[in-house]
Amino acid sequence: MSTDKSRTSRGIEITDDVIEKLVEEAEAGYDPAVLKNRGGRPMLGSAPASVMAVRLDPGLRSAVEAQAEADGTTASDIIRRAIRAYVHVA
């Protein structure tokens, strides 16, 4: 028989009592000023970015990934820079 228990990221066992306490806290509301900023992805411009799917042939994808590795950046950054240069947007 397994004694595997669900735990939080800090290792606290999730029991009915823990859940009830969390529900009470949530229902009471949270002060946004004291909530921890978890960060997230940095903004790429003045507004949240959107995702656009693009199909690349295997050779082009390999070249983009190799260039990103050589530049110490990401494939997404390489693609964004190439598009900006092509459409003349800073």
PDB file of N, CA and C in Angstrom:
ATOM      1  N   MET A   1       0.848  -1.185   0.000  1.00  0.00           N
ATOM      2  CA  MET A   1       0.000   0.000   0.000  1.00  0.00           C
ATOM      3  C   MET A   1       0.888   1.242   0.000  1.00  0.00           C
ATOM      4  N   SER A   2       0.580   2.179  -0.857  1.00  0.00           N
ATOM      5  CA  SER A   2       1.365   3.405  -0.970  1.00  0.00           C
ATOM      6  C   SER A   2       0.907   4.426   0.064  1.00  0.00           C
ATOM      7  N   THR A   3       1.879   5.121   0.640  1.00  0.00           N
ATOM      8  CA  THR A   3       1.559   6.192   1.589  1.00  0.00           C
ATOM      9  C   THR A   3       1.886   7.545   0.977  1.00  0.00           C
ATOM     10  N   ASP A   4       1.863   7.574  -0.360  1.00  0.00           N
ATOM     11  CA  ASP A   4       2.156   8.802  -1.091  1.00  0.00           C
ATOM     12  C   ASP A   4       1.092   9.850  -0.789  1.00  0.00           C
ATOM     13  N   LYS A   5       1.507  11.001  -0.294  1.00  0.00           N
ATOM     14  CA  LYS A   5       0.581  12.089   0.028  1.00  0.00           C
ATOM     15  C   LYS A   5       0.859  13.266  -0.892  1.00  0.00           C
ATOM     16  N   SER A   6      -0.189  14.018  -1.190  1.00  0.00           N
ATOM     17  CA  SER A   6       0.004  15.236  -1.968  1.00  0.00           C
ATOM     18  C   SER A   6       0.629  16.287  -1.073  1.00  0.00           C
ATOM     19  N   ARG A   7       1.578  17.028  -1.652  1.00  0.00           N
ATOM     20  CA  ARG A   7       2.285  18.052  -0.889  1.00  0.00           C
ATOM     21  C   ARG A   7       2.397  19.323  -1.710  1.00  0.00           C
ATOM     22  N   THR A   8       2.558  20.446  -1.009  1.00  0.00           N
ATOM     23  CA  THR A   8       2.787  21.719  -1.673  1.00  0.00           C
ATOM     24  C   THR A   8       4.224  21.765  -2.175  1.00  0.00           C
ATOM     25  N   SER A   9       4.561  22.802  -2.905  1.00  0.00           N
ATOM     26  CA  SER A   9       5.931  22.946  -3.402  1.00  0.00           C
ATOM     27  C   SER A   9       6.931  23.099  -2.254  1.00  0.00           C
ATOM     28  N   ARG A  10       6.439  23.474  -1.088  1.00  0.00           N
ATOM     29  CA  ARG A  10       7.311  23.599   0.091  1.00  0.00           C
ATOM     30  C   ARG A  10       7.293  22.355   0.955  1.00  0.00           C
ATOM     31  N   GLY A  11       6.635  21.305   0.482  1.00  0.00           N
ATOM     32  CA  GLY A  11       6.645  20.035   1.190  1.00  0.00           C
ATOM     33  C   GLY A  11       5.570  19.872   2.245  1.00  0.00           C
ATOM     34  N   ILE A  12       4.639  20.816   2.348  1.00  0.00           N
ATOM     35  CA  ILE A  12       3.572  20.716   3.336  1.00  0.00           C
ATOM     36  C   ILE A  12       2.513  19.745   2.817  1.00  0.00           C
ATOM     37  N   GLU A  13       2.145  18.783   3.670  1.00  0.00           N
ATOM     38  CA  GLU A  13       1.125  17.817   3.276  1.00  0.00           C
ATOM     39  C   GLU A  13      -0.222  18.524   3.122  1.00  0.00           C
ATOM     40  N   ILE A  14      -0.903  18.229   2.039  1.00  0.00           N
ATOM     41  CA  ILE A  14      -2.200  18.850   1.771  1.00  0.00           C
ATOM     42  C   ILE A  14      -3.281  17.989   2.411  1.00  0.00           C
ATOM     43  N   THR A  15      -3.827  18.503   3.510  1.00  0.00           N
ATOM     44  CA  THR A  15      -4.882  17.810   4.233  1.00  0.00           C
ATOM     45  C   THR A  15      -6.182  18.597   4.088  1.00  0.00           C
ATOM     46  N   ASP A  16      -7.269  18.027   4.564  1.00  0.00           N
ATOM     47  CA  ASP A  16      -8.547  18.742   4.549  1.00  0.00           C
ATOM     48  C   ASP A  16      -8.449  20.032   5.364  1.00  0.00           C
ATOM     49  N   ASP A  17      -7.725  19.987   6.488  1.00  0.00           N
ATOM     50  CA  ASP A  17      -7.556  21.186   7.317  1.00  0.00           C
ATOM     51  C   ASP A  17      -6.801  22.280   6.563  1.00  0.00           C
ATOM     52  N   VAL A  18      -5.763  21.900   5.836  1.00  0.00           N
ATOM     53  CA  VAL A  18      -4.982  22.873   5.053  1.00  0.00           C
ATOM     54  C   VAL A  18      -5.867  23.478   3.972  1.00  0.00           C
ATOM     55  N   ILE A  19      -6.634  22.662   3.291  1.00  0.00           N
ATOM     56  CA  ILE A  19      -7.519  23.153   2.234  1.00  0.00           C
ATOM     57  C   ILE A  19      -8.553  24.113   2.813  1.00  0.00           C
ATOM     58  N   GLU A  20      -9.145  23.746   3.954  1.00  0.00           N
ATOM     59  CA  GLU A  20     -10.144  24.608   4.595  1.00  0.00           C
ATOM     60  C   GLU A  20      -9.543  25.965   4.963  1.00  0.00           C
ATOM     61  N   LYS A  21      -8.328  25.960   5.477  1.00  0.00           N
ATOM     62  CA  LYS A  21      -7.658  27.222   5.841  1.00  0.00           C
ATOM     63  C   LYS A  21      -7.425  28.081   4.594  1.00  0.00           C
ATOM     64  N   LEU A  22      -6.985  27.468   3.511  1.00  0.00           N
ATOM     65  CA  LEU A  22      -6.749  28.203   2.270  1.00  0.00           C
ATOM     66  C   LEU A  22      -8.047  28.778   1.707  1.00  0.00           C
ATOM     67  N   VAL A  23      -9.133  28.011   1.798  1.00  0.00           N
ATOM     68  CA  VAL A  23     -10.430  28.487   1.327  1.00  0.00           C
ATOM     69  C   VAL A  23     -10.867  29.701   2.144  1.00  0.00           C
ATOM     70  N   GLU A  24     -10.712  29.630   3.463  1.00  0.00           N
ATOM     71  CA  GLU A  24     -11.085  30.759   4.329  1.00  0.00           C
ATOM     72  C   GLU A  24     -10.285  32.008   3.973  1.00  0.00           C
ATOM     73  N   GLU A  25      -8.984  31.828   3.756  1.00  0.00           N
ATOM     74  CA  GLU A  25      -8.131  32.968   3.379  1.00  0.00           C
ATOM     75  C   GLU A  25      -8.594  33.568   2.051  1.00  0.00           C
ATOM     76  N   ALA A  26      -8.886  32.711   1.079  1.00  0.00           N
ATOM     77  CA  ALA A  26      -9.297  33.192  -0.236  1.00  0.00           C
ATOM     78  C   ALA A  26     -10.638  33.914  -0.160  1.00  0.00           C
ATOM     79  N   GLU A  27     -11.558  33.362   0.596  1.00  0.00           N
ATOM     80  CA  GLU A  27     -12.868  33.996   0.723  1.00  0.00           C
ATOM     81  C   GLU A  27     -12.793  35.333   1.438  1.00  0.00           C
ATOM     82  N   ALA A  28     -11.840  35.485   2.352  1.00  0.00           N
ATOM     83  CA  ALA A  28     -11.659  36.755   3.066  1.00  0.00           C
ATOM     84  C   ALA A  28     -11.060  37.810   2.134  1.00  0.00           C
ATOM     85  N   GLY A  29     -10.398  37.357   1.086  1.00  0.00           N
ATOM     86  CA  GLY A  29      -9.779  38.273   0.122  1.00  0.00           C
ATOM     87  C   GLY A  29      -8.319  38.510   0.444  1.00  0.00           C
ATOM     88  N   TYR A  30      -7.595  38.957  -0.552  1.00  0.00           N
ATOM     89  CA  TYR A  30      -6.167  39.219  -0.411  1.00  0.00           C
ATOM     90  C   TYR A  30      -5.881  40.679  -0.722  1.00  0.00           C
ATOM     91  N   ASP A  31      -4.942  41.236  -0.015  1.00  0.00           N
ATOM     92  CA  ASP A  31      -4.486  42.599  -0.284  1.00  0.00           C
ATOM     93  C   ASP A  31      -3.436  42.509  -1.387  1.00  0.00           C
ATOM     94  N   PRO A  32      -3.716  43.022  -2.582  1.00  0.00           N
ATOM     95  CA  PRO A  32      -2.752  42.930  -3.680  1.00  0.00           C
ATOM     96  C   PRO A  32      -1.390  43.534  -3.342  1.00  0.00           C
ATOM     97  N   ALA A  33      -1.371  44.500  -2.438  1.00  0.00           N
ATOM     98  CA  ALA A  33      -0.106  45.151  -2.078  1.00  0.00           C
ATOM     99  C   ALA A  33       0.856  44.198  -1.373  1.00  0.00           C
ATOM    100  N   VAL A  34       0.325  43.150  -0.744  1.00  0.00           N
ATOM    101  CA  VAL A  34       1.204  42.240  -0.018  1.00  0.00           C
ATOM    102  C   VAL A  34       1.435  40.919  -0.746  1.00  0.00           C
ATOM    103  N   LEU A  35       0.787  40.743  -1.890  1.00  0.00           N
ATOM    104  CA  LEU A  35       1.008  39.523  -2.659  1.00  0.00           C
ATOM    105  C   LEU A  35       2.391  39.547  -3.296  1.00  0.00           C
ATOM    106  N   LYS A  36       2.998  38.394  -3.358  1.00  0.00           N
ATOM    107  CA  LYS A  36       4.331  38.252  -3.920  1.00  0.00           C
ATOM    108  C   LYS A  36       4.256  38.341  -5.445  1.00  0.00           C
ATOM    109  N   ASN A  37       5.125  39.158  -6.031  1.00  0.00           N
ATOM    110  CA  ASN A  37       5.194  39.239  -7.491  1.00  0.00           C
ATOM    111  C   ASN A  37       5.983  38.032  -7.978  1.00  0.00           C
ATOM    112  N   ARG A  38       5.341  37.179  -8.740  1.00  0.00           N
ATOM    113  CA  ARG A  38       5.999  35.971  -9.218  1.00  0.00           C
ATOM    114  C   ARG A  38       6.719  36.187 -10.537  1.00  0.00           C
ATOM    115  N   GLY A  39       6.720  37.402 -11.023  1.00  0.00           N
ATOM    116  CA  GLY A  39       7.444  37.666 -12.256  1.00  0.00           C
ATOM    117  C   GLY A  39       6.668  37.210 -13.462  1.00  0.00           C
ATOM    118  N   GLY A  40       7.256  36.355 -14.223  1.00  0.00           N
ATOM    119  CA  GLY A  40       6.651  35.921 -15.478  1.00  0.00           C
ATOM    120  C   GLY A  40       7.537  36.371 -16.622  1.00  0.00           C
ATOM    121  N   ARG A  41       7.034  36.231 -17.782  1.00  0.00           N
ATOM    122  CA  ARG A  41       7.808  36.632 -18.953  1.00  0.00           C
ATOM    123  C   ARG A  41       7.862  38.146 -19.036  1.00  0.00           C
ATOM    124  N   PRO A  42       9.011  38.681 -19.380  1.00  0.00           N
ATOM    125  CA  PRO A  42       9.106  40.137 -19.528  1.00  0.00           C
ATOM    126  C   PRO A  42       8.313  40.610 -20.745  1.00  0.00           C
ATOM    127  N   MET A  43       7.838  41.834 -20.668  1.00  0.00           N
ATOM    128  CA  MET A  43       7.103  42.421 -21.798  1.00  0.00           C
ATOM    129  C   MET A  43       8.074  42.600 -22.968  1.00  0.00           C
ATOM    130  N   LEU A  44       7.581  42.389 -24.170  1.00  0.00           N
ATOM    131  CA  LEU A  44       8.395  42.567 -25.369  1.00  0.00           C
ATOM    132  C   LEU A  44       8.182  43.942 -25.985  1.00  0.00           C
ATOM    133  N   GLY A  45       7.204  44.639 -25.523  1.00  0.00           N
ATOM    134  CA  GLY A  45       6.878  45.962 -26.046  1.00  0.00           C
ATOM    135  C   GLY A  45       6.019  46.684 -25.037  1.00  0.00           C
ATOM    136  N   SER A  46       5.096  47.487 -25.537  1.00  0.00           N
ATOM    137  CA  SER A  46       4.259  48.265 -24.640  1.00  0.00           C
ATOM    138  C   SER A  46       3.003  47.525 -24.194  1.00  0.00           C
ATOM    139  N   ALA A  47       2.774  46.347 -24.724  1.00  0.00           N
ATOM    140  CA  ALA A  47       1.588  45.565 -24.375  1.00  0.00           C
ATOM    141  C   ALA A  47       1.958  44.080 -24.370  1.00  0.00           C
ATOM    142  N   PRO A  48       1.118  43.249 -23.753  1.00  0.00           N
ATOM    143  CA  PRO A  48       1.411  41.817 -23.768  1.00  0.00           C
ATOM    144  C   PRO A  48       1.544  41.292 -25.197  1.00  0.00           C
ATOM    145  N   ALA A  49       2.493  40.398 -25.390  1.00  0.00           N
ATOM    146  CA  ALA A  49       2.731  39.829 -26.719  1.00  0.00           C
ATOM    147  C   ALA A  49       1.722  38.723 -27.005  1.00  0.00           C
ATOM    148  N   SER A  50       1.534  38.437 -28.274  1.00  0.00           N
ATOM    149  CA  SER A  50       0.682  37.324 -28.668  1.00  0.00           C
ATOM    150  C   SER A  50       1.550  36.289 -29.376  1.00  0.00           C
ATOM    151  N   VAL A  51       1.044  35.088 -29.431  1.00  0.00           N
ATOM    152  CA  VAL A  51       1.762  33.982 -30.063  1.00  0.00           C
ATOM    153  C   VAL A  51       1.244  33.801 -31.475  1.00  0.00           C
ATOM    154  N   MET A  52       2.172  33.592 -32.412  1.00  0.00           N
ATOM    155  CA  MET A  52       1.811  33.324 -33.796  1.00  0.00           C
ATOM    156  C   MET A  52       2.564  32.067 -34.227  1.00  0.00           C
ATOM    157  N   ALA A  53       1.843  31.060 -34.625  1.00  0.00           N
ATOM    158  CA  ALA A  53       2.477  29.818 -35.065  1.00  0.00           C
ATOM    159  C   ALA A  53       3.025  29.998 -36.477  1.00  0.00           C
ATOM    160  N   VAL A  54       4.255  29.532 -36.685  1.00  0.00           N
ATOM    161  CA  VAL A  54       4.908  29.626 -37.994  1.00  0.00           C
ATOM    162  C   VAL A  54       5.514  28.261 -38.307  1.00  0.00           C
ATOM    163  N   ARG A  55       5.305  27.787 -39.507  1.00  0.00           N
ATOM    164  CA  ARG A  55       5.901  26.514 -39.919  1.00  0.00           C
ATOM    165  C   ARG A  55       7.249  26.783 -40.579  1.00  0.00           C
ATOM    166  N   LEU A  56       8.271  26.051 -40.138  1.00  0.00           N
ATOM    167  CA  LEU A  56       9.610  26.169 -40.712  1.00  0.00           C
ATOM    168  C   LEU A  56      10.041  24.808 -41.235  1.00  0.00           C
ATOM    169  N   ASP A  57      10.673  24.801 -42.392  1.00  0.00           N
ATOM    170  CA  ASP A  57      11.210  23.533 -42.875  1.00  0.00           C
ATOM    171  C   ASP A  57      12.375  23.138 -41.963  1.00  0.00           C
ATOM    172  N   PRO A  58      12.729  21.850 -41.920  1.00  0.00           N
ATOM    173  CA  PRO A  58      13.753  21.386 -40.988  1.00  0.00           C
ATOM    174  C   PRO A  58      15.098  22.107 -41.119  1.00  0.00           C
ATOM    175  N   GLY A  59      15.503  22.417 -42.341  1.00  0.00           N
ATOM    176  CA  GLY A  59      16.778  23.101 -42.531  1.00  0.00           C
ATOM    177  C   GLY A  59      16.777  24.503 -41.958  1.00  0.00           C
ATOM    178  N   LEU A  60      15.691  25.241 -42.183  1.00  0.00           N
ATOM    179  CA  LEU A  60      15.583  26.596 -41.649  1.00  0.00           C
ATOM    180  C   LEU A  60      15.507  26.571 -40.133  1.00  0.00           C
ATOM    181  N   ARG A  61      14.741  25.644 -39.602  1.00  0.00           N
ATOM    182  CA  ARG A  61      14.645  25.531 -38.143  1.00  0.00           C
ATOM    183  C   ARG A  61      16.015  25.238 -37.536  1.00  0.00           C
ATOM    184  N   SER A  62      16.757  24.324 -38.135  1.00  0.00           N
ATOM    185  CA  SER A  62      18.102  23.997 -37.636  1.00  0.00           C
ATOM    186  C   SER A  62      19.015  25.208 -37.688  1.00  0.00           C
ATOM    187  N   ALA A  63      18.920  25.974 -38.768  1.00  0.00           N
ATOM    188  CA  ALA A  63      19.755  27.167 -38.905  1.00  0.00           C
ATOM    189  C   ALA A  63      19.409  28.217 -37.852  1.00  0.00           C
ATOM    190  N   VAL A  64      18.119  28.402 -37.608  1.00  0.00           N
ATOM    191  CA  VAL A  64      17.685  29.368 -36.592  1.00  0.00           C
ATOM    192  C   VAL A  64      18.174  28.928 -35.219  1.00  0.00           C
ATOM    193  N   GLU A  65      18.001  27.648 -34.894  1.00  0.00           N
ATOM    194  CA  GLU A  65      18.433  27.140 -33.597  1.00  0.00           C
ATOM    195  C   GLU A  65      19.948  27.235 -33.438  1.00  0.00           C
ATOM    196  N   ALA A  66      20.702  26.958 -34.502  1.00  0.00           N
ATOM    197  CA  ALA A  66      22.159  27.068 -34.449  1.00  0.00           C
ATOM    198  C   ALA A  66      22.583  28.514 -34.237  1.00  0.00           C
ATOM    199  N   GLN A  67      21.920  29.444 -34.919  1.00  0.00           N
ATOM    200  CA  GLN A  67      22.255  30.865 -34.761  1.00  0.00           C
ATOM    201  C   GLN A  67      21.928  31.343 -33.350  1.00  0.00           C
ATOM    202  N   ALA A  68      20.807  30.902 -32.827  1.00  0.00           N
ATOM    203  CA  ALA A  68      20.423  31.266 -31.468  1.00  0.00           C
ATOM    204  C   ALA A  68      21.459  30.758 -30.475  1.00  0.00           C
ATOM    205  N   GLU A  69      21.900  29.531 -30.655  1.00  0.00           N
ATOM    206  CA  GLU A  69      22.939  28.950 -29.784  1.00  0.00           C
ATOM    207  C   GLU A  69      24.230  29.759 -29.875  1.00  0.00           C
ATOM    208  N   ALA A  70      24.633  30.089 -31.096  1.00  0.00           N
ATOM    209  CA  ALA A  70      25.863  30.860 -31.305  1.00  0.00           C
ATOM    210  C   ALA A  70      25.775  32.250 -30.683  1.00  0.00           C
ATOM    211  N   ASP A  71      24.572  32.847 -30.729  1.00  0.00           N
ATOM    212  CA  ASP A  71      24.377  34.195 -30.190  1.00  0.00           C
ATOM    213  C   ASP A  71      24.050  34.193 -28.706  1.00  0.00           C
ATOM    214  N   GLY A  72      23.823  33.010 -28.142  1.00  0.00           N
ATOM    215  CA  GLY A  72      23.455  32.933 -26.728  1.00  0.00           C
ATOM    216  C   GLY A  72      22.068  33.498 -26.474  1.00  0.00           C
ATOM    217  N   THR A  73      21.162  33.247 -27.400  1.00  0.00           N
ATOM    218  CA  THR A  73      19.801  33.762 -27.270  1.00  0.00           C
ATOM    219  C   THR A  73      18.818  32.650 -27.616  1.00  0.00           C
ATOM    220  N   THR A  74      17.597  33.006 -27.901  1.00  0.00           N
ATOM    221  CA  THR A  74      16.573  32.007 -28.223  1.00  0.00           C
ATOM    222  C   THR A  74      16.192  32.073 -29.696  1.00  0.00           C
ATOM    223  N   ALA A  75      15.600  30.987 -30.179  1.00  0.00           N
ATOM    224  CA  ALA A  75      15.108  30.963 -31.549  1.00  0.00           C
ATOM    225  C   ALA A  75      14.044  32.042 -31.729  1.00  0.00           C
ATOM    226  N   SER A  76      13.200  32.246 -30.731  1.00  0.00           N
ATOM    227  CA  SER A  76      12.164  33.278 -30.812  1.00  0.00           C
ATOM    228  C   SER A  76      12.775  34.657 -31.007  1.00  0.00           C
ATOM    229  N   ASP A  77      13.860  34.935 -30.300  1.00  0.00           N
ATOM    230  CA  ASP A  77      14.514  36.239 -30.440  1.00  0.00           C
ATOM    231  C   ASP A  77      15.095  36.412 -31.841  1.00  0.00           C
ATOM    232  N   ILE A  78      15.704  35.374 -32.376  1.00  0.00           N
ATOM    233  CA  ILE A  78      16.251  35.427 -33.737  1.00  0.00           C
ATOM    234  C   ILE A  78      15.130  35.721 -34.738  1.00  0.00           C
ATOM    235  N   ILE A  79      14.006  35.015 -34.596  1.00  0.00           N
ATOM    236  CA  ILE A  79      12.876  35.193 -35.517  1.00  0.00           C
ATOM    237  C   ILE A  79      12.303  36.601 -35.387  1.00  0.00           C
ATOM    238  N   ARG A  80      12.131  37.096 -34.153  1.00  0.00           N
ATOM    239  CA  ARG A  80      11.610  38.459 -33.972  1.00  0.00           C
ATOM    240  C   ARG A  80      12.525  39.491 -34.619  1.00  0.00           C
ATOM    241  N   ARG A  81      13.841  39.345 -34.416  1.00  0.00           N
ATOM    242  CA  ARG A  81      14.788  40.301 -35.016  1.00  0.00           C
ATOM    243  C   ARG A  81      14.729  40.258 -36.541  1.00  0.00           C
ATOM    244  N   ALA A  82      14.613  39.058 -37.105  1.00  0.00           N
ATOM    245  CA  ALA A  82      14.556  38.925 -38.565  1.00  0.00           C
ATOM    246  C   ALA A  82      13.286  39.578 -39.118  1.00  0.00           C
ATOM    247  N   ILE A  83      12.170  39.365 -38.460  1.00  0.00           N
ATOM    248  CA  ILE A  83      10.910  39.971 -38.923  1.00  0.00           C
ATOM    249  C   ILE A  83      10.969  41.483 -38.796  1.00  0.00           C
ATOM    250  N   ARG A  84      11.491  41.987 -37.664  1.00  0.00           N
ATOM    251  CA  ARG A  84      11.604  43.449 -37.507  1.00  0.00           C
ATOM    252  C   ARG A  84      12.455  44.067 -38.617  1.00  0.00           C
ATOM    253  N   ALA A  85      13.553  43.418 -38.951  1.00  0.00           N
ATOM    254  CA  ALA A  85      14.432  43.924 -40.012  1.00  0.00           C
ATOM    255  C   ALA A  85      13.718  43.885 -41.364  1.00  0.00           C
ATOM    256  N   TYR A  86      12.969  42.838 -41.611  1.00  0.00           N
ATOM    257  CA  TYR A  86      12.286  42.668 -42.893  1.00  0.00           C
ATOM    258  C   TYR A  86      11.182  43.704 -43.084  1.00  0.00           C
ATOM    259  N   VAL A  87      10.412  43.951 -42.026  1.00  0.00           N
ATOM    260  CA  VAL A  87       9.276  44.878 -42.159  1.00  0.00           C
ATOM    261  C   VAL A  87       9.633  46.288 -41.683  1.00  0.00           C
ATOM    262  N   HIS A  88      10.895  46.497 -41.368  1.00  0.00           N
ATOM    263  CA  HIS A  88      11.420  47.812 -40.970  1.00  0.00           C
ATOM    264  C   HIS A  88      10.698  48.396 -39.758  1.00  0.00           C
ATOM    265  N   VAL A  89      10.617  47.563 -38.712  1.00  0.00           N
ATOM    266  CA  VAL A  89      10.022  47.986 -37.438  1.00  0.00           C
ATOM    267  C   VAL A  89      11.091  47.862 -36.373  1.00  0.00           C
ATOM    268  N   ALA A  90      11.227  48.895 -35.550  1.00  0.00           N
ATOM    269  CA  ALA A  90      12.254  48.882 -34.503  1.00  0.00           C
ATOM    270  C   ALA A  90      11.909  47.927 -33.399  1.00  0.00           C
TER     271      ALA A  90
END
